Amino acid sequence: MLKQFIVVPSVLLIALTTNALPSHAQRPGSRSLISLGRAENLAREAAEKANGGLQNYRAENSMYGPAQSSPHVYDGHGTWTFTFKGHRPDSRTPTVKSVVTVSRRGNVNVNYNGPIR
């Protein structure tokens, strides 16, 4: 007796089995936790925006390198605070100090952005 096999396109099989698996998608409005590297980028970008963009401002080099070497403090409860200096693109002399706090959820708060005290 011959058995007949039905060939089902793999795309259809994937679609059918994927829908049967539990979904681990985030709820609308929820955010995943971010890494120190992402926090460093968000802090630098916030300072750039607060100072008129890249045409007017550059953060110190430590804010472009490895995140572990950036001037930050982790509070142990889900936020990093970055304290760094910046300057005009045509100068190397720092004129602005920025203190930016970034949460593990990606919330950013510019605590201070002004003259170096």
N, C-alpha and C. Protein backbone atom coordinates (compact mmCIF):
# COMPACT_ATOMS: atom_id res chain seq x y z
N MET A 1 0.84 -1.17 0.00
CA MET A 1 0.00 0.00 0.00
C MET A 1 0.88 1.24 0.00
N LEU A 2 0.65 2.18 -0.88
CA LEU A 2 1.38 3.41 -0.98
C LEU A 2 0.76 4.48 -0.09
N LYS A 3 1.65 5.18 0.59
CA LYS A 3 1.17 6.29 1.42
C LYS A 3 1.41 7.58 0.66
N GLN A 4 0.47 8.45 0.74
CA GLN A 4 0.59 9.73 0.08
C GLN A 4 1.03 10.78 1.10
N PHE A 5 1.96 11.64 0.69
CA PHE A 5 2.44 12.72 1.54
C PHE A 5 2.00 14.05 0.95
N ILE A 6 1.63 14.91 1.81
CA ILE A 6 1.26 16.25 1.37
C ILE A 6 2.44 17.17 1.64
N VAL A 7 2.86 17.87 0.62
CA VAL A 7 3.96 18.80 0.77
C VAL A 7 3.37 20.19 1.05
N VAL A 8 3.75 20.70 2.21
CA VAL A 8 3.26 22.01 2.62
C VAL A 8 4.44 22.98 2.55
N PRO A 9 4.26 24.10 1.92
CA PRO A 9 5.36 25.07 1.85
C PRO A 9 5.85 25.43 3.25
N SER A 10 7.16 25.57 3.39
CA SER A 10 7.74 25.85 4.70
C SER A 10 7.25 27.17 5.29
N VAL A 11 6.92 28.12 4.44
CA VAL A 11 6.42 29.40 4.94
C VAL A 11 5.11 29.20 5.69
N LEU A 12 4.26 28.35 5.16
CA LEU A 12 2.98 28.07 5.80
C LEU A 12 3.20 27.35 7.13
N LEU A 13 4.10 26.40 7.15
CA LEU A 13 4.40 25.68 8.39
C LEU A 13 4.93 26.62 9.47
N ILE A 14 5.82 27.52 9.10
CA ILE A 14 6.37 28.47 10.06
C ILE A 14 5.25 29.36 10.59
N ALA A 15 4.40 29.84 9.72
CA ALA A 15 3.31 30.71 10.15
C ALA A 15 2.37 29.98 11.09
N LEU A 16 2.06 28.73 10.79
CA LEU A 16 1.15 27.97 11.65
C LEU A 16 1.76 27.67 13.01
N THR A 17 3.02 27.27 13.04
CA THR A 17 3.64 26.92 14.32
C THR A 17 3.99 28.15 15.15
N THR A 18 4.32 29.26 14.52
CA THR A 18 4.65 30.48 15.26
C THR A 18 3.43 30.99 16.01
N ASN A 19 2.27 30.94 15.40
CA ASN A 19 1.06 31.41 16.06
C ASN A 19 0.67 30.53 17.23
N ALA A 20 1.12 29.31 17.24
CA ALA A 20 0.78 28.40 18.33
C ALA A 20 1.67 28.60 19.55
N LEU A 21 2.82 29.25 19.36
CA LEU A 21 3.74 29.47 20.46
C LEU A 21 3.33 30.69 21.27
N PRO A 22 3.66 30.71 22.57
CA PRO A 22 3.32 31.89 23.37
C PRO A 22 4.10 33.10 22.88
N SER A 23 3.47 34.23 22.95
CA SER A 23 4.10 35.47 22.50
C SER A 23 4.81 36.14 23.66
N HIS A 24 6.01 36.66 23.41
CA HIS A 24 6.77 37.36 24.43
C HIS A 24 6.93 38.83 24.04
N ALA A 25 6.01 39.33 23.26
CA ALA A 25 6.10 40.71 22.83
C ALA A 25 5.85 41.64 24.00
N GLN A 26 6.45 42.81 23.91
CA GLN A 26 6.24 43.80 24.96
C GLN A 26 4.83 44.37 24.87
N ARG A 27 4.33 44.75 26.02
CA ARG A 27 3.05 45.42 26.05
C ARG A 27 3.21 46.82 25.46
N PRO A 28 2.17 47.34 24.84
CA PRO A 28 2.27 48.70 24.30
C PRO A 28 2.66 49.67 25.41
N GLY A 29 3.62 50.53 25.10
CA GLY A 29 4.06 51.52 26.08
C GLY A 29 5.16 51.04 26.99
N SER A 30 5.45 49.75 27.00
CA SER A 30 6.52 49.27 27.87
C SER A 30 7.85 49.35 27.13
N ARG A 31 8.93 49.47 27.89
CA ARG A 31 10.26 49.56 27.31
C ARG A 31 11.13 48.47 27.92
N SER A 32 12.05 47.98 27.13
CA SER A 32 13.00 47.04 27.67
C SER A 32 14.11 47.81 28.37
N LEU A 33 14.85 47.14 29.22
CA LEU A 33 15.94 47.78 29.94
C LEU A 33 17.10 48.01 28.98
N ILE A 34 17.79 49.14 29.18
CA ILE A 34 18.89 49.48 28.29
C ILE A 34 20.23 49.19 28.96
N SER A 35 21.27 49.14 28.16
CA SER A 35 22.62 48.88 28.64
C SER A 35 23.33 50.19 28.97
N LEU A 36 24.48 50.07 29.63
CA LEU A 36 25.29 51.24 29.94
C LEU A 36 25.70 51.97 28.65
N GLY A 37 26.04 51.23 27.62
CA GLY A 37 26.42 51.84 26.35
C GLY A 37 25.31 52.68 25.75
N ARG A 38 24.10 52.17 25.80
CA ARG A 38 22.95 52.93 25.29
C ARG A 38 22.71 54.16 26.16
N ALA A 39 22.86 54.00 27.48
CA ALA A 39 22.69 55.14 28.40
C ALA A 39 23.71 56.23 28.10
N GLU A 40 24.96 55.83 27.84
CA GLU A 40 26.00 56.80 27.48
C GLU A 40 25.59 57.59 26.23
N ASN A 41 25.10 56.89 25.22
CA ASN A 41 24.67 57.55 23.98
C ASN A 41 23.52 58.52 24.23
N LEU A 42 22.55 58.09 25.04
CA LEU A 42 21.40 58.95 25.33
C LEU A 42 21.83 60.21 26.09
N ALA A 43 22.76 60.06 27.03
CA ALA A 43 23.25 61.21 27.79
C ALA A 43 23.98 62.19 26.88
N ARG A 44 24.85 61.67 26.02
CA ARG A 44 25.59 62.53 25.09
C ARG A 44 24.64 63.24 24.13
N GLU A 45 23.66 62.51 23.60
CA GLU A 45 22.70 63.10 22.67
C GLU A 45 21.87 64.18 23.35
N ALA A 46 21.52 63.99 24.62
CA ALA A 46 20.76 65.00 25.35
C ALA A 46 21.58 66.28 25.50
N ALA A 47 22.86 66.14 25.80
CA ALA A 47 23.74 67.32 25.92
C ALA A 47 23.91 67.99 24.57
N GLU A 48 24.06 67.21 23.52
CA GLU A 48 24.19 67.79 22.18
C GLU A 48 22.95 68.61 21.84
N LYS A 49 21.79 68.07 22.12
CA LYS A 49 20.54 68.78 21.83
C LYS A 49 20.43 70.05 22.68
N ALA A 50 20.76 69.94 23.98
CA ALA A 50 20.66 71.09 24.89
C ALA A 50 21.62 72.22 24.50
N ASN A 51 22.67 71.87 23.76
CA ASN A 51 23.68 72.87 23.38
C ASN A 51 23.61 73.27 21.91
N GLY A 52 22.50 73.00 21.28
CA GLY A 52 22.30 73.48 19.90
C GLY A 52 22.74 72.54 18.81
N GLY A 53 23.00 71.28 19.13
CA GLY A 53 23.36 70.30 18.11
C GLY A 53 24.85 70.19 17.85
N LEU A 54 25.21 69.27 17.01
CA LEU A 54 26.61 69.00 16.72
C LEU A 54 27.32 70.15 16.00
N GLN A 55 26.58 71.02 15.37
CA GLN A 55 27.22 72.17 14.72
C GLN A 55 27.75 73.16 15.76
N ASN A 56 27.27 73.05 17.02
CA ASN A 56 27.68 73.98 18.08
C ASN A 56 28.41 73.33 19.25
N TYR A 57 28.39 72.01 19.34
CA TYR A 57 28.84 71.36 20.57
C TYR A 57 29.42 69.98 20.31
N ARG A 58 30.44 69.64 21.08
CA ARG A 58 31.01 68.28 21.11
C ARG A 58 31.27 67.91 22.56
N ALA A 59 30.85 66.75 22.93
CA ALA A 59 31.14 66.24 24.28
C ALA A 59 32.59 65.80 24.34
N GLU A 60 33.12 65.71 25.56
CA GLU A 60 34.50 65.25 25.73
C GLU A 60 34.65 63.83 25.18
N ASN A 61 35.87 63.47 24.82
CA ASN A 61 36.15 62.19 24.17
C ASN A 61 35.68 60.97 24.95
N SER A 62 35.69 61.05 26.27
CA SER A 62 35.29 59.88 27.07
C SER A 62 33.82 59.50 26.84
N MET A 63 33.03 60.41 26.31
CA MET A 63 31.63 60.11 26.03
C MET A 63 31.44 59.44 24.67
N TYR A 64 32.52 59.23 23.94
CA TYR A 64 32.46 58.53 22.66
C TYR A 64 33.14 57.17 22.72
N GLY A 65 33.87 56.90 23.79
CA GLY A 65 34.61 55.66 23.90
C GLY A 65 33.81 54.57 24.60
N PRO A 66 34.52 53.58 25.13
CA PRO A 66 33.84 52.49 25.85
C PRO A 66 33.02 53.04 27.02
N ALA A 67 31.80 52.58 27.15
CA ALA A 67 30.89 53.11 28.16
C ALA A 67 31.44 52.94 29.58
N GLN A 68 32.17 51.85 29.81
CA GLN A 68 32.73 51.61 31.15
C GLN A 68 33.72 52.70 31.54
N SER A 69 34.32 53.37 30.56
CA SER A 69 35.30 54.42 30.82
C SER A 69 34.68 55.81 30.85
N SER A 70 33.40 55.91 30.59
CA SER A 70 32.75 57.22 30.59
C SER A 70 32.59 57.72 32.03
N PRO A 71 32.53 59.03 32.22
CA PRO A 71 32.39 59.60 33.56
C PRO A 71 30.97 59.43 34.09
N HIS A 72 30.71 58.29 34.70
CA HIS A 72 29.36 58.00 35.18
C HIS A 72 29.39 57.38 36.57
N VAL A 73 28.24 57.43 37.20
CA VAL A 73 28.03 56.78 38.49
C VAL A 73 26.70 56.02 38.38
N TYR A 74 26.71 54.75 38.79
CA TYR A 74 25.47 53.97 38.83
C TYR A 74 24.95 54.00 40.25
N ASP A 75 23.70 54.36 40.43
CA ASP A 75 23.17 54.52 41.79
C ASP A 75 22.73 53.21 42.43
N GLY A 76 22.75 52.12 41.67
CA GLY A 76 22.34 50.82 42.22
C GLY A 76 20.84 50.59 42.18
N HIS A 77 20.09 51.59 41.76
CA HIS A 77 18.63 51.45 41.72
C HIS A 77 18.06 51.72 40.34
N GLY A 78 18.88 51.63 39.34
CA GLY A 78 18.36 51.74 37.98
C GLY A 78 18.65 53.01 37.22
N THR A 79 19.56 53.87 37.73
CA THR A 79 19.91 55.05 36.95
C THR A 79 21.42 55.26 36.96
N TRP A 80 21.90 55.81 35.84
CA TRP A 80 23.29 56.24 35.72
C TRP A 80 23.28 57.76 35.64
N THR A 81 24.23 58.39 36.28
CA THR A 81 24.40 59.83 36.14
C THR A 81 25.76 60.09 35.50
N PHE A 82 25.74 60.78 34.37
CA PHE A 82 26.94 61.12 33.62
C PHE A 82 27.25 62.59 33.87
N THR A 83 28.49 62.87 34.22
CA THR A 83 28.95 64.24 34.41
C THR A 83 30.14 64.45 33.49
N PHE A 84 29.98 65.33 32.51
CA PHE A 84 31.03 65.50 31.50
C PHE A 84 31.04 66.92 30.98
N LYS A 85 32.13 67.25 30.32
CA LYS A 85 32.33 68.58 29.76
C LYS A 85 32.20 68.54 28.24
N GLY A 86 32.01 69.72 27.67
CA GLY A 86 31.92 69.83 26.22
C GLY A 86 32.48 71.15 25.74
N HIS A 87 32.62 71.26 24.43
CA HIS A 87 33.24 72.43 23.83
C HIS A 87 32.67 72.68 22.44
N ARG A 88 33.00 73.82 21.89
CA ARG A 88 32.63 74.13 20.52
C ARG A 88 33.44 73.24 19.58
N PRO A 89 32.93 72.90 18.41
CA PRO A 89 33.65 72.03 17.49
C PRO A 89 35.00 72.57 17.04
N ASP A 90 35.15 73.91 16.99
CA ASP A 90 36.40 74.51 16.53
C ASP A 90 37.39 74.77 17.68
N SER A 91 37.10 74.22 18.84
CA SER A 91 37.95 74.44 20.02
C SER A 91 38.11 73.13 20.78
N ARG A 92 39.15 73.05 21.58
CA ARG A 92 39.35 71.90 22.47
C ARG A 92 39.17 72.31 23.94
N THR A 93 38.90 73.61 24.16
CA THR A 93 38.74 74.12 25.51
C THR A 93 37.30 73.92 25.99
N PRO A 94 37.12 73.10 27.03
CA PRO A 94 35.76 72.87 27.54
C PRO A 94 35.16 74.15 28.12
N THR A 95 33.90 74.39 27.78
CA THR A 95 33.19 75.56 28.29
C THR A 95 31.86 75.21 28.94
N VAL A 96 31.39 73.99 28.72
CA VAL A 96 30.07 73.58 29.21
C VAL A 96 30.23 72.30 30.04
N LYS A 97 29.50 72.26 31.14
CA LYS A 97 29.42 71.04 31.96
C LYS A 97 27.99 70.53 31.88
N SER A 98 27.85 69.23 31.65
CA SER A 98 26.53 68.60 31.60
C SER A 98 26.46 67.49 32.63
N VAL A 99 25.34 67.44 33.32
CA VAL A 99 25.05 66.36 34.26
C VAL A 99 23.72 65.77 33.79
N VAL A 100 23.77 64.53 33.32
CA VAL A 100 22.59 63.90 32.72
C VAL A 100 22.36 62.54 33.38
N THR A 101 21.12 62.32 33.82
CA THR A 101 20.76 61.04 34.43
C THR A 101 19.91 60.26 33.45
N VAL A 102 20.25 58.98 33.29
CA VAL A 102 19.53 58.08 32.38
C VAL A 102 19.10 56.86 33.17
N SER A 103 17.82 56.51 33.06
CA SER A 103 17.32 55.33 33.78
C SER A 103 17.49 54.08 32.93
N ARG A 104 17.42 52.94 33.56
CA ARG A 104 17.50 51.66 32.84
C ARG A 104 16.36 51.51 31.85
N ARG A 105 15.31 52.27 32.03
CA ARG A 105 14.17 52.24 31.11
C ARG A 105 14.33 53.22 29.95
N GLY A 106 15.44 54.00 29.97
CA GLY A 106 15.71 54.91 28.87
C GLY A 106 15.20 56.32 29.07
N ASN A 107 14.70 56.64 30.26
CA ASN A 107 14.29 58.01 30.54
C ASN A 107 15.52 58.86 30.77
N VAL A 108 15.51 60.08 30.23
CA VAL A 108 16.67 60.96 30.29
C VAL A 108 16.27 62.26 30.97
N ASN A 109 17.12 62.71 31.91
CA ASN A 109 16.90 63.99 32.58
C ASN A 109 18.21 64.77 32.58
N VAL A 110 18.18 65.98 32.01
CA VAL A 110 19.33 66.85 32.04
C VAL A 110 19.25 67.62 33.35
N ASN A 111 20.10 67.25 34.32
CA ASN A 111 20.08 67.88 35.65
C ASN A 111 20.76 69.24 35.64
N TYR A 112 21.81 69.36 34.84
CA TYR A 112 22.53 70.63 34.72
C TYR A 112 23.18 70.67 33.35
N ASN A 113 23.15 71.82 32.75
CA ASN A 113 23.82 72.05 31.47
C ASN A 113 24.15 73.54 31.42
N GLY A 114 25.40 73.87 31.71
CA GLY A 114 25.76 75.28 31.75
C GLY A 114 27.24 75.46 31.92
N PRO A 115 27.64 76.66 32.33
CA PRO A 115 29.06 76.96 32.49
C PRO A 115 29.73 76.01 33.49
N ILE A 116 30.99 75.74 33.24
CA ILE A 116 31.77 74.91 34.18
C ILE A 116 31.94 75.71 35.45
N ARG A 117 31.59 75.12 36.57
CA ARG A 117 31.67 75.82 37.86
C ARG A 117 32.96 75.48 38.56
